């Protein structure tokens, strides 16, 4: 028996947003760590990010980054990017085309920083930006911070490097792999157009 979303646009959209929203809090969700791809000219770059918000009402997803990260430079030159999600068990792939907003030291970052766990703040305390060349293997942290005993007060130092990347969804491509026959659809959110595609 095929699922309700097999050949129904509204059911597909319902399923997509359920999976995205679930991934924000469910650490076991395969949608929790999508691939984020951005580029400018011949510089195309991709990496895994952690999904931190899925907002159906505003067609938005977001994740966190370090302001010193190379991808921030790319996004300042070209705010268009793509995100790729795949759930092996559900056999569902989602491709998002997005426009990115880099938030730094504003109300959006303040709210997200307050919710960021003490242990997760460690990422933003590295003394050089992510990807900086080092003469030796390193965590990038000063010795006194390179353990689990640093204080919440010490973690506040990382806020200056903390950014929230908001990704406004322009289109969604959905692919469902089914033995009976794959199904693929595209939802153009900018023009409010839904189309079936050949898988």
N, C-alpha and C. Protein backbone atom coordinates (compact mmCIF):
# COMPACT_ATOMS: atom_id res chain seq x y z
N UNK A 1 0.84 -1.21 0.00
CA UNK A 1 0.00 0.00 0.00
C UNK A 1 0.87 1.25 0.00
N UNK A 2 0.55 2.16 -0.90
CA UNK A 2 1.35 3.39 -1.00
C UNK A 2 0.93 4.41 0.06
N UNK A 3 1.88 5.21 0.54
CA UNK A 3 1.54 6.23 1.54
C UNK A 3 0.66 7.33 0.95
N UNK A 4 0.01 8.10 1.82
CA UNK A 4 -0.91 9.17 1.38
C UNK A 4 -0.21 10.19 0.49
N UNK A 5 1.11 10.35 0.71
CA UNK A 5 1.83 11.38 -0.05
C UNK A 5 2.36 10.88 -1.40
N UNK A 6 2.00 9.68 -1.80
CA UNK A 6 2.54 9.11 -3.05
C UNK A 6 2.20 9.96 -4.27
N UNK A 7 0.94 10.39 -4.36
CA UNK A 7 0.53 11.17 -5.54
C UNK A 7 -0.38 12.34 -5.16
N UNK A 8 -0.04 13.02 -4.06
CA UNK A 8 -0.89 14.11 -3.57
C UNK A 8 -0.01 15.26 -3.09
N UNK A 9 -0.05 16.38 -3.81
CA UNK A 9 0.81 17.53 -3.49
C UNK A 9 0.68 17.99 -2.03
N UNK A 10 -0.57 18.12 -1.56
CA UNK A 10 -0.75 18.65 -0.19
C UNK A 10 -0.19 17.67 0.84
N UNK A 11 -0.34 16.37 0.60
CA UNK A 11 0.21 15.36 1.53
C UNK A 11 1.74 15.34 1.48
N UNK A 12 2.29 15.57 0.30
CA UNK A 12 3.76 15.63 0.16
C UNK A 12 4.29 16.79 0.99
N UNK A 13 3.68 17.97 0.85
CA UNK A 13 4.12 19.16 1.60
C UNK A 13 4.01 18.93 3.10
N UNK A 14 2.92 18.28 3.50
CA UNK A 14 2.72 17.97 4.92
C UNK A 14 3.86 17.09 5.43
N UNK A 15 4.21 16.08 4.63
CA UNK A 15 5.28 15.13 4.98
C UNK A 15 6.63 15.85 5.05
N UNK A 16 6.92 16.71 4.07
CA UNK A 16 8.19 17.45 4.04
C UNK A 16 8.35 18.27 5.32
N UNK A 17 7.33 19.06 5.67
CA UNK A 17 7.44 19.93 6.84
C UNK A 17 7.45 19.15 8.14
N UNK A 18 6.75 18.00 8.15
CA UNK A 18 6.82 17.15 9.34
C UNK A 18 8.26 16.68 9.56
N UNK A 19 8.91 16.24 8.48
CA UNK A 19 10.27 15.72 8.58
C UNK A 19 11.27 16.82 8.95
N UNK A 20 11.09 18.01 8.39
CA UNK A 20 11.99 19.12 8.72
C UNK A 20 11.81 19.57 10.17
N UNK A 21 10.55 19.72 10.59
CA UNK A 21 10.28 20.17 11.97
C UNK A 21 10.76 19.13 12.99
N UNK A 22 10.54 17.87 12.69
CA UNK A 22 10.97 16.79 13.59
C UNK A 22 12.50 16.78 13.75
N UNK A 23 13.20 17.08 12.66
CA UNK A 23 14.67 17.02 12.66
C UNK A 23 15.31 18.05 13.61
N UNK A 24 14.60 19.14 13.88
CA UNK A 24 15.14 20.19 14.75
C UNK A 24 15.37 19.67 16.18
N UNK A 25 14.44 18.84 16.66
CA UNK A 25 14.56 18.33 18.04
C UNK A 25 14.95 16.85 18.12
N UNK A 26 14.76 16.11 17.04
CA UNK A 26 15.03 14.67 17.06
C UNK A 26 16.45 14.39 16.56
N UNK A 27 17.34 14.06 17.49
CA UNK A 27 18.74 13.82 17.15
C UNK A 27 18.94 12.59 16.24
N UNK A 28 17.94 11.72 16.20
CA UNK A 28 18.05 10.52 15.36
C UNK A 28 17.52 10.73 13.94
N UNK A 29 16.92 11.87 13.70
CA UNK A 29 16.38 12.13 12.36
C UNK A 29 17.51 12.26 11.35
N UNK A 30 17.34 11.62 10.20
CA UNK A 30 18.35 11.72 9.15
C UNK A 30 18.29 13.07 8.44
N UNK A 31 17.23 13.82 8.69
CA UNK A 31 17.13 15.18 8.14
C UNK A 31 17.84 16.20 9.03
N UNK A 32 18.33 15.78 10.17
CA UNK A 32 18.94 16.72 11.12
C UNK A 32 20.25 17.32 10.60
N UNK A 33 20.98 16.54 9.79
CA UNK A 33 22.27 17.04 9.31
C UNK A 33 22.32 17.06 7.77
N UNK A 34 21.70 18.07 7.17
CA UNK A 34 21.72 18.18 5.71
C UNK A 34 23.07 18.66 5.19
N UNK A 35 23.27 18.51 3.89
CA UNK A 35 24.43 19.09 3.22
C UNK A 35 24.03 20.48 2.74
N UNK A 36 24.89 21.46 3.04
CA UNK A 36 24.66 22.85 2.62
C UNK A 36 25.71 23.18 1.57
N UNK A 37 25.26 23.66 0.41
CA UNK A 37 26.18 23.94 -0.70
C UNK A 37 26.02 25.40 -1.14
N UNK A 38 27.16 26.11 -1.17
CA UNK A 38 27.13 27.50 -1.62
C UNK A 38 28.32 27.72 -2.54
N UNK A 39 28.31 28.81 -3.28
CA UNK A 39 29.40 29.05 -4.20
C UNK A 39 29.39 30.44 -4.80
N UNK A 40 30.56 30.81 -5.31
CA UNK A 40 30.71 32.09 -6.01
C UNK A 40 31.75 31.89 -7.10
N UNK A 41 31.38 32.14 -8.34
CA UNK A 41 32.30 31.90 -9.45
C UNK A 41 32.67 30.42 -9.49
N UNK A 42 33.96 30.12 -9.52
CA UNK A 42 34.41 28.72 -9.58
C UNK A 42 34.57 28.11 -8.19
N UNK A 43 34.35 28.90 -7.15
CA UNK A 43 34.46 28.41 -5.76
C UNK A 43 33.14 27.82 -5.29
N UNK A 44 33.00 26.51 -5.40
CA UNK A 44 31.79 25.82 -4.95
C UNK A 44 32.18 24.99 -3.74
N UNK A 45 31.40 25.10 -2.67
CA UNK A 45 31.79 24.45 -1.42
C UNK A 45 30.58 23.84 -0.73
N UNK A 46 30.76 22.66 -0.15
CA UNK A 46 29.66 22.01 0.57
C UNK A 46 30.13 21.47 1.90
N UNK A 47 29.20 21.40 2.84
CA UNK A 47 29.50 20.83 4.16
C UNK A 47 28.19 20.40 4.84
N UNK A 48 28.35 19.58 5.88
CA UNK A 48 27.21 19.16 6.69
C UNK A 48 26.94 20.26 7.72
N UNK A 49 25.66 20.58 7.92
CA UNK A 49 25.27 21.53 8.97
C UNK A 49 24.22 20.86 9.85
N UNK A 50 23.94 21.47 10.99
CA UNK A 50 22.91 20.93 11.89
C UNK A 50 21.67 21.82 11.78
N UNK A 51 20.54 21.23 11.42
CA UNK A 51 19.30 21.99 11.29
C UNK A 51 18.86 22.47 12.67
N UNK A 52 18.65 23.78 12.81
CA UNK A 52 18.28 24.36 14.11
C UNK A 52 16.87 24.92 14.16
N UNK A 53 16.28 25.15 12.98
CA UNK A 53 14.91 25.67 12.96
C UNK A 53 14.27 25.33 11.63
N UNK A 54 12.97 25.02 11.65
CA UNK A 54 12.17 24.82 10.45
C UNK A 54 10.87 25.59 10.66
N UNK A 55 10.65 26.61 9.86
CA UNK A 55 9.52 27.52 10.04
C UNK A 55 8.65 27.48 8.78
N UNK A 56 7.60 26.67 8.84
CA UNK A 56 6.72 26.47 7.68
C UNK A 56 6.02 27.76 7.28
N UNK A 57 5.58 28.52 8.27
CA UNK A 57 4.82 29.76 8.02
C UNK A 57 5.62 30.75 7.18
N UNK A 58 6.93 30.81 7.43
CA UNK A 58 7.80 31.75 6.71
C UNK A 58 8.69 31.09 5.67
N UNK A 59 8.45 29.78 5.40
CA UNK A 59 9.25 29.02 4.42
C UNK A 59 10.75 29.21 4.68
N UNK A 60 11.15 28.85 5.88
CA UNK A 60 12.51 29.15 6.33
C UNK A 60 13.10 27.99 7.11
N UNK A 61 14.39 27.72 6.89
CA UNK A 61 15.14 26.81 7.76
C UNK A 61 16.41 27.56 8.17
N UNK A 62 16.99 27.15 9.30
CA UNK A 62 18.22 27.84 9.70
C UNK A 62 19.20 26.92 10.42
N UNK A 63 20.47 27.37 10.41
CA UNK A 63 21.53 26.66 11.11
C UNK A 63 22.51 27.70 11.65
N UNK A 64 23.46 27.24 12.47
CA UNK A 64 24.44 28.14 13.09
C UNK A 64 25.80 28.02 12.40
N UNK A 65 26.59 29.08 12.51
CA UNK A 65 27.93 29.07 11.94
C UNK A 65 28.83 30.03 12.72
N UNK A 66 30.11 30.02 12.35
CA UNK A 66 31.09 30.95 12.92
C UNK A 66 31.29 32.06 11.89
N UNK A 67 31.25 33.31 12.32
CA UNK A 67 31.37 34.45 11.42
C UNK A 67 32.69 34.42 10.63
N UNK A 68 33.70 33.71 11.17
CA UNK A 68 35.01 33.63 10.51
C UNK A 68 35.09 32.50 9.49
N UNK A 69 34.01 31.73 9.37
CA UNK A 69 33.98 30.60 8.43
C UNK A 69 34.03 31.08 6.98
N UNK A 70 34.70 30.30 6.13
CA UNK A 70 34.84 30.64 4.71
C UNK A 70 33.49 30.79 4.02
N UNK A 71 32.50 30.00 4.45
CA UNK A 71 31.20 30.07 3.79
C UNK A 71 30.53 31.44 3.97
N UNK A 72 30.88 32.15 5.04
CA UNK A 72 30.31 33.49 5.26
C UNK A 72 30.79 34.44 4.16
N UNK A 73 32.07 34.36 3.80
CA UNK A 73 32.61 35.19 2.71
C UNK A 73 31.88 34.88 1.40
N UNK A 74 31.66 33.60 1.16
CA UNK A 74 30.96 33.19 -0.07
C UNK A 74 29.54 33.75 -0.07
N UNK A 75 28.82 33.60 1.05
CA UNK A 75 27.43 34.05 1.12
C UNK A 75 27.28 35.56 1.00
N UNK A 76 28.32 36.28 1.41
CA UNK A 76 28.28 37.75 1.26
C UNK A 76 28.37 38.14 -0.21
N UNK A 77 29.02 37.29 -1.02
CA UNK A 77 29.14 37.55 -2.46
C UNK A 77 27.94 36.98 -3.22
N UNK A 78 27.42 35.85 -2.74
CA UNK A 78 26.29 35.20 -3.40
C UNK A 78 25.42 34.54 -2.33
N UNK A 79 24.27 35.13 -2.08
CA UNK A 79 23.40 34.63 -1.00
C UNK A 79 22.58 33.41 -1.40
N UNK A 80 22.65 33.00 -2.68
CA UNK A 80 21.91 31.82 -3.13
C UNK A 80 22.69 30.55 -2.80
N UNK A 81 21.97 29.54 -2.32
CA UNK A 81 22.61 28.28 -1.93
C UNK A 81 21.62 27.13 -2.10
N UNK A 82 22.09 25.92 -1.81
CA UNK A 82 21.24 24.73 -1.90
C UNK A 82 21.43 23.88 -0.65
N UNK A 83 20.39 23.15 -0.30
CA UNK A 83 20.47 22.22 0.83
C UNK A 83 19.93 20.87 0.38
N UNK A 84 20.60 19.81 0.82
CA UNK A 84 20.23 18.45 0.41
C UNK A 84 19.99 17.59 1.64
N UNK A 85 18.80 16.98 1.69
CA UNK A 85 18.40 16.11 2.80
C UNK A 85 18.08 14.73 2.22
N UNK A 86 18.45 13.67 2.95
CA UNK A 86 18.05 12.33 2.52
C UNK A 86 17.80 11.45 3.73
N UNK A 87 16.66 10.78 3.72
CA UNK A 87 16.33 9.81 4.76
C UNK A 87 16.29 8.43 4.12
N UNK A 88 17.27 7.62 4.49
CA UNK A 88 17.43 6.29 3.89
C UNK A 88 16.25 5.38 4.19
N UNK A 89 15.70 5.46 5.42
CA UNK A 89 14.58 4.59 5.79
C UNK A 89 13.29 5.01 5.09
N UNK A 90 13.05 6.31 5.06
CA UNK A 90 11.83 6.82 4.41
C UNK A 90 11.96 6.81 2.89
N UNK A 91 13.21 6.73 2.40
CA UNK A 91 13.51 6.77 0.96
C UNK A 91 13.02 8.10 0.34
N UNK A 92 13.24 9.16 1.11
CA UNK A 92 12.83 10.49 0.65
C UNK A 92 14.05 11.41 0.59
N UNK A 93 14.20 12.06 -0.57
CA UNK A 93 15.24 13.08 -0.75
C UNK A 93 14.55 14.43 -0.95
N UNK A 94 15.09 15.45 -0.28
CA UNK A 94 14.58 16.82 -0.44
C UNK A 94 15.74 17.71 -0.87
N UNK A 95 15.52 18.50 -1.91
CA UNK A 95 16.51 19.49 -2.34
C UNK A 95 15.87 20.87 -2.23
N UNK A 96 16.53 21.74 -1.49
CA UNK A 96 16.02 23.11 -1.32
C UNK A 96 16.92 24.09 -2.06
N UNK A 97 16.30 25.03 -2.76
CA UNK A 97 17.04 26.20 -3.26
C UNK A 97 16.68 27.32 -2.31
N UNK A 98 17.70 27.97 -1.76
CA UNK A 98 17.45 28.96 -0.71
C UNK A 98 18.21 30.26 -0.96
N UNK A 99 17.73 31.31 -0.29
CA UNK A 99 18.45 32.58 -0.24
C UNK A 99 18.82 32.80 1.21
N UNK A 100 20.09 33.07 1.48
CA UNK A 100 20.59 33.10 2.85
C UNK A 100 20.76 34.51 3.41
N UNK A 101 20.40 34.64 4.69
CA UNK A 101 20.61 35.87 5.43
C UNK A 101 21.58 35.53 6.56
N UNK A 102 22.71 36.25 6.63
CA UNK A 102 23.70 36.04 7.68
C UNK A 102 23.38 36.98 8.83
N UNK A 103 23.02 36.41 9.98
CA UNK A 103 22.73 37.21 11.17
C UNK A 103 23.91 37.18 12.11
N UNK A 104 24.33 38.35 12.57
CA UNK A 104 25.48 38.44 13.48
C UNK A 104 25.23 39.57 14.48
N UNK A 105 25.32 39.23 15.76
CA UNK A 105 25.13 40.20 16.85
C UNK A 105 23.86 41.03 16.67
N UNK A 106 22.73 40.31 16.50
CA UNK A 106 21.43 40.97 16.44
C UNK A 106 20.42 40.19 17.29
N UNK A 107 19.15 40.55 17.22
CA UNK A 107 18.13 39.89 18.06
C UNK A 107 17.99 38.40 17.73
N UNK A 108 18.14 38.05 16.47
CA UNK A 108 18.02 36.64 16.06
C UNK A 108 19.15 35.82 16.68
N UNK A 109 20.38 36.35 16.61
CA UNK A 109 21.51 35.60 17.19
C UNK A 109 21.40 35.56 18.72
N UNK A 110 20.92 36.64 19.32
CA UNK A 110 20.78 36.67 20.79
C UNK A 110 19.85 35.56 21.26
N UNK A 111 18.68 35.46 20.60
CA UNK A 111 17.69 34.42 20.97
C UNK A 111 18.27 33.02 20.79
N UNK A 112 18.95 32.79 19.67
CA UNK A 112 19.52 31.46 19.39
C UNK A 112 20.66 31.14 20.35
N UNK A 113 21.47 32.14 20.67
CA UNK A 113 22.61 31.94 21.58
C UNK A 113 22.13 31.54 22.97
N UNK A 114 21.06 32.16 23.43
CA UNK A 114 20.50 31.83 24.75
C UNK A 114 20.07 30.37 24.81
N UNK A 115 19.59 29.83 23.68
CA UNK A 115 19.13 28.43 23.64
C UNK A 115 20.28 27.45 23.38
N UNK A 116 21.45 27.97 22.98
CA UNK A 116 22.58 27.10 22.65
C UNK A 116 23.21 26.55 23.92
N UNK A 117 23.31 25.24 23.98
CA UNK A 117 23.85 24.58 25.18
C UNK A 117 25.31 24.97 25.42
N UNK A 118 25.65 24.97 26.68
CA UNK A 118 27.00 25.27 27.15
C UNK A 118 28.04 24.49 26.35
N UNK A 119 27.83 23.19 26.17
CA UNK A 119 28.79 22.33 25.48
C UNK A 119 28.92 22.71 23.99
N UNK A 120 27.81 23.14 23.37
CA UNK A 120 27.83 23.49 21.95
C UNK A 120 28.51 24.83 21.70
N UNK A 121 28.57 25.67 22.72
CA UNK A 121 29.18 27.00 22.57
C UNK A 121 30.70 26.91 22.37
N UNK A 122 31.23 25.76 22.73
CA UNK A 122 32.68 25.53 22.63
C UNK A 122 33.20 25.78 21.21
N UNK A 123 32.39 25.44 20.21
CA UNK A 123 32.78 25.59 18.80
C UNK A 123 33.17 27.03 18.45
N UNK A 124 32.58 27.97 19.17
CA UNK A 124 32.77 29.40 18.83
C UNK A 124 33.90 30.03 19.65
N UNK A 125 34.60 29.21 20.43
CA UNK A 125 35.70 29.70 21.27
C UNK A 125 37.07 29.41 20.66
N UNK A 126 37.11 28.82 19.47
CA UNK A 126 38.41 28.55 18.84
C UNK A 126 39.12 29.88 18.56
N UNK A 127 40.45 29.90 18.77
CA UNK A 127 41.18 31.17 18.69
C UNK A 127 41.37 31.67 17.26
N UNK A 128 41.33 30.78 16.26
CA UNK A 128 41.39 31.18 14.86
C UNK A 128 40.15 30.64 14.17
N UNK A 129 39.78 31.25 13.06
CA UNK A 129 38.58 30.81 12.36
C UNK A 129 38.66 29.38 11.86
N UNK A 130 37.51 28.70 11.70
CA UNK A 130 37.49 27.34 11.18
C UNK A 130 38.19 27.27 9.82
N UNK A 131 39.03 26.27 9.64
CA UNK A 131 39.74 26.09 8.36
C UNK A 131 41.09 26.80 8.30
N UNK A 132 41.46 27.52 9.38
CA UNK A 132 42.76 28.19 9.41
C UNK A 132 43.88 27.15 9.45
N UNK A 133 44.95 27.37 8.68
CA UNK A 133 46.08 26.43 8.66
C UNK A 133 46.78 26.43 10.02
N UNK A 134 47.15 25.23 10.48
CA UNK A 134 47.85 25.07 11.76
C UNK A 134 49.11 24.25 11.55
N UNK A 135 50.16 24.54 12.34
CA UNK A 135 51.42 23.78 12.22
C UNK A 135 51.33 22.40 12.86
N UNK A 136 50.30 22.19 13.67
CA UNK A 136 50.15 20.90 14.36
C UNK A 136 48.67 20.56 14.52
N UNK A 137 48.37 19.27 14.81
CA UNK A 137 46.96 18.90 15.04
C UNK A 137 46.42 19.70 16.23
N UNK A 138 45.22 20.23 16.10
CA UNK A 138 44.68 21.06 17.18
C UNK A 138 43.17 21.07 17.20
N UNK A 139 42.61 21.33 18.37
CA UNK A 139 41.16 21.53 18.49
C UNK A 139 40.84 23.00 18.22
N UNK A 140 41.90 23.84 18.24
CA UNK A 140 41.70 25.27 18.05
C UNK A 140 41.38 26.00 19.34
N UNK A 141 41.31 25.25 20.44
CA UNK A 141 40.97 25.86 21.74
C UNK A 141 42.21 26.07 22.59
N UNK A 142 42.17 27.10 23.43
CA UNK A 142 43.24 27.31 24.41
C UNK A 142 43.19 26.14 25.39
N UNK A 143 44.34 25.74 25.97
CA UNK A 143 44.36 24.57 26.86
C UNK A 143 43.33 24.62 27.99
N UNK A 144 43.11 25.79 28.56
CA UNK A 144 42.15 25.88 29.69
C UNK A 144 40.70 25.68 29.26
N UNK A 145 40.44 25.76 27.96
CA UNK A 145 39.07 25.55 27.47
C UNK A 145 38.90 24.18 26.82
N UNK A 146 40.01 23.48 26.62
CA UNK A 146 39.98 22.21 25.91
C UNK A 146 39.59 21.04 26.82
N UNK A 147 38.54 21.24 27.57
CA UNK A 147 38.00 20.19 28.45
C UNK A 147 36.53 20.51 28.70
N UNK A 148 35.90 19.75 29.57
CA UNK A 148 34.47 19.97 29.81
C UNK A 148 34.20 20.81 31.05
N UNK A 149 35.25 21.42 31.59
CA UNK A 149 35.08 22.13 32.85
C UNK A 149 35.01 23.64 32.71
N UNK A 150 35.04 24.14 31.48
CA UNK A 150 34.98 25.60 31.33
C UNK A 150 33.57 26.08 31.73
N UNK A 151 33.48 27.31 32.17
CA UNK A 151 32.23 27.81 32.74
C UNK A 151 31.32 28.43 31.68
N UNK A 152 30.07 28.62 32.07
CA UNK A 152 29.10 29.27 31.18
C UNK A 152 29.57 30.70 30.89
N UNK A 153 30.15 31.33 31.91
CA UNK A 153 30.66 32.70 31.75
C UNK A 153 31.77 32.73 30.70
N UNK A 154 32.67 31.74 30.75
CA UNK A 154 33.74 31.66 29.75
C UNK A 154 33.17 31.44 28.35
N UNK A 155 32.06 30.69 28.27
CA UNK A 155 31.46 30.39 26.97
C UNK A 155 30.88 31.64 26.31
N UNK A 156 30.54 32.64 27.10
CA UNK A 156 29.95 33.88 26.55
C UNK A 156 30.90 34.58 25.58
N UNK A 157 32.18 34.33 25.74
CA UNK A 157 33.19 34.92 24.86
C UNK A 157 32.97 34.52 23.39
N UNK A 158 32.35 33.35 23.20
CA UNK A 158 32.12 32.85 21.85
C UNK A 158 31.02 33.57 21.09
N UNK A 159 30.19 34.35 21.79
CA UNK A 159 29.06 35.00 21.13
C UNK A 159 29.50 35.91 19.98
N UNK A 160 30.65 36.54 20.12
CA UNK A 160 31.12 37.47 19.07
C UNK A 160 31.37 36.74 17.73
N UNK A 161 31.57 35.42 17.78
CA UNK A 161 31.82 34.63 16.56
C UNK A 161 30.57 33.91 16.05
N UNK A 162 29.51 33.93 16.83
CA UNK A 162 28.30 33.15 16.56
C UNK A 162 27.43 33.82 15.50
N UNK A 163 27.01 33.05 14.51
CA UNK A 163 26.08 33.56 13.50
C UNK A 163 24.93 32.59 13.29
N UNK A 164 23.81 33.13 12.86
CA UNK A 164 22.66 32.31 12.49
C UNK A 164 22.41 32.54 11.01
N UNK A 165 22.45 31.47 10.25
CA UNK A 165 22.18 31.56 8.81
C UNK A 165 20.71 31.18 8.59
N UNK A 166 19.93 32.16 8.19
CA UNK A 166 18.52 31.90 7.85
C UNK A 166 18.44 31.63 6.36
N UNK A 167 17.77 30.55 6.01
CA UNK A 167 17.66 30.14 4.61
C UNK A 167 16.21 30.23 4.16
N UNK A 168 15.91 31.26 3.40
CA UNK A 168 14.55 31.45 2.88
C UNK A 168 14.39 30.52 1.68
N UNK A 169 13.41 29.62 1.77
CA UNK A 169 13.23 28.60 0.73
C UNK A 169 12.55 29.19 -0.51
N UNK A 170 13.22 29.04 -1.66
CA UNK A 170 12.65 29.52 -2.92
C UNK A 170 11.93 28.38 -3.65
N UNK A 171 12.51 27.17 -3.56
CA UNK A 171 11.85 26.01 -4.16
C UNK A 171 12.25 24.74 -3.41
N UNK A 172 11.38 23.74 -3.51
CA UNK A 172 11.61 22.43 -2.88
C UNK A 172 11.45 21.37 -3.97
N UNK A 173 12.43 20.48 -4.07
CA UNK A 173 12.28 19.32 -4.94
C UNK A 173 12.23 18.08 -4.07
N UNK A 174 11.21 17.27 -4.26
CA UNK A 174 10.95 16.08 -3.46
C UNK A 174 11.08 14.84 -4.35
N UNK A 175 11.78 13.82 -3.84
CA UNK A 175 11.90 12.55 -4.56
C UNK A 175 11.61 11.42 -3.59
N UNK A 176 10.68 10.55 -4.00
CA UNK A 176 10.32 9.38 -3.18
C UNK A 176 10.66 8.13 -3.99
N UNK A 177 11.51 7.29 -3.42
CA UNK A 177 11.92 6.06 -4.11
C UNK A 177 10.99 4.92 -3.70
N UNK A 178 10.24 4.41 -4.65
CA UNK A 178 9.26 3.36 -4.35
C UNK A 178 9.38 2.23 -5.36
N UNK A 179 9.22 1.00 -4.87
CA UNK A 179 9.32 -0.17 -5.74
C UNK A 179 8.28 -0.12 -6.86
N UNK A 180 7.09 0.41 -6.53
CA UNK A 180 6.00 0.49 -7.51
C UNK A 180 6.30 1.51 -8.60
N UNK A 181 7.18 2.44 -8.30
CA UNK A 181 7.51 3.53 -9.23
C UNK A 181 7.86 4.78 -8.44
N UNK A 182 9.03 5.34 -8.71
CA UNK A 182 9.45 6.55 -7.99
C UNK A 182 8.52 7.71 -8.33
N UNK A 183 8.45 8.68 -7.43
CA UNK A 183 7.68 9.89 -7.66
C UNK A 183 8.54 11.11 -7.33
N UNK A 184 8.41 12.14 -8.18
CA UNK A 184 9.20 13.35 -7.98
C UNK A 184 8.33 14.58 -8.25
N UNK A 185 8.51 15.60 -7.42
CA UNK A 185 7.72 16.83 -7.58
C UNK A 185 8.56 18.04 -7.23
N UNK A 186 8.16 19.17 -7.81
CA UNK A 186 8.85 20.43 -7.51
C UNK A 186 7.82 21.46 -7.07
N UNK A 187 8.15 22.15 -5.97
CA UNK A 187 7.27 23.20 -5.45
C UNK A 187 8.01 24.53 -5.54
N UNK A 188 7.55 25.39 -6.44
CA UNK A 188 8.13 26.71 -6.62
C UNK A 188 7.40 27.65 -5.67
N UNK A 189 8.04 27.98 -4.56
CA UNK A 189 7.38 28.79 -3.53
C UNK A 189 7.29 30.26 -3.93
N UNK A 190 8.22 30.72 -4.76
CA UNK A 190 8.21 32.12 -5.18
C UNK A 190 7.02 32.41 -6.11
N UNK A 191 6.69 31.44 -6.96
CA UNK A 191 5.59 31.63 -7.92
C UNK A 191 4.35 30.80 -7.59
N UNK A 192 4.39 30.13 -6.42
CA UNK A 192 3.26 29.31 -5.96
C UNK A 192 2.81 28.30 -7.02
N UNK A 193 3.80 27.55 -7.55
CA UNK A 193 3.53 26.58 -8.61
C UNK A 193 4.02 25.21 -8.22
N UNK A 194 3.18 24.19 -8.38
CA UNK A 194 3.54 22.81 -8.09
C UNK A 194 3.57 22.00 -9.40
N UNK A 195 4.62 21.20 -9.58
CA UNK A 195 4.72 20.37 -10.78
C UNK A 195 5.22 18.97 -10.44
N UNK A 196 4.69 18.00 -11.19
CA UNK A 196 5.28 16.66 -11.15
C UNK A 196 6.48 16.65 -12.07
N UNK A 197 7.50 15.87 -11.73
CA UNK A 197 8.69 15.73 -12.56
C UNK A 197 8.92 14.24 -12.81
N UNK A 198 9.61 13.95 -13.90
CA UNK A 198 10.02 12.56 -14.14
C UNK A 198 11.16 12.27 -13.15
N UNK A 199 11.06 11.17 -12.38
CA UNK A 199 12.10 10.88 -11.37
C UNK A 199 13.47 10.66 -11.99
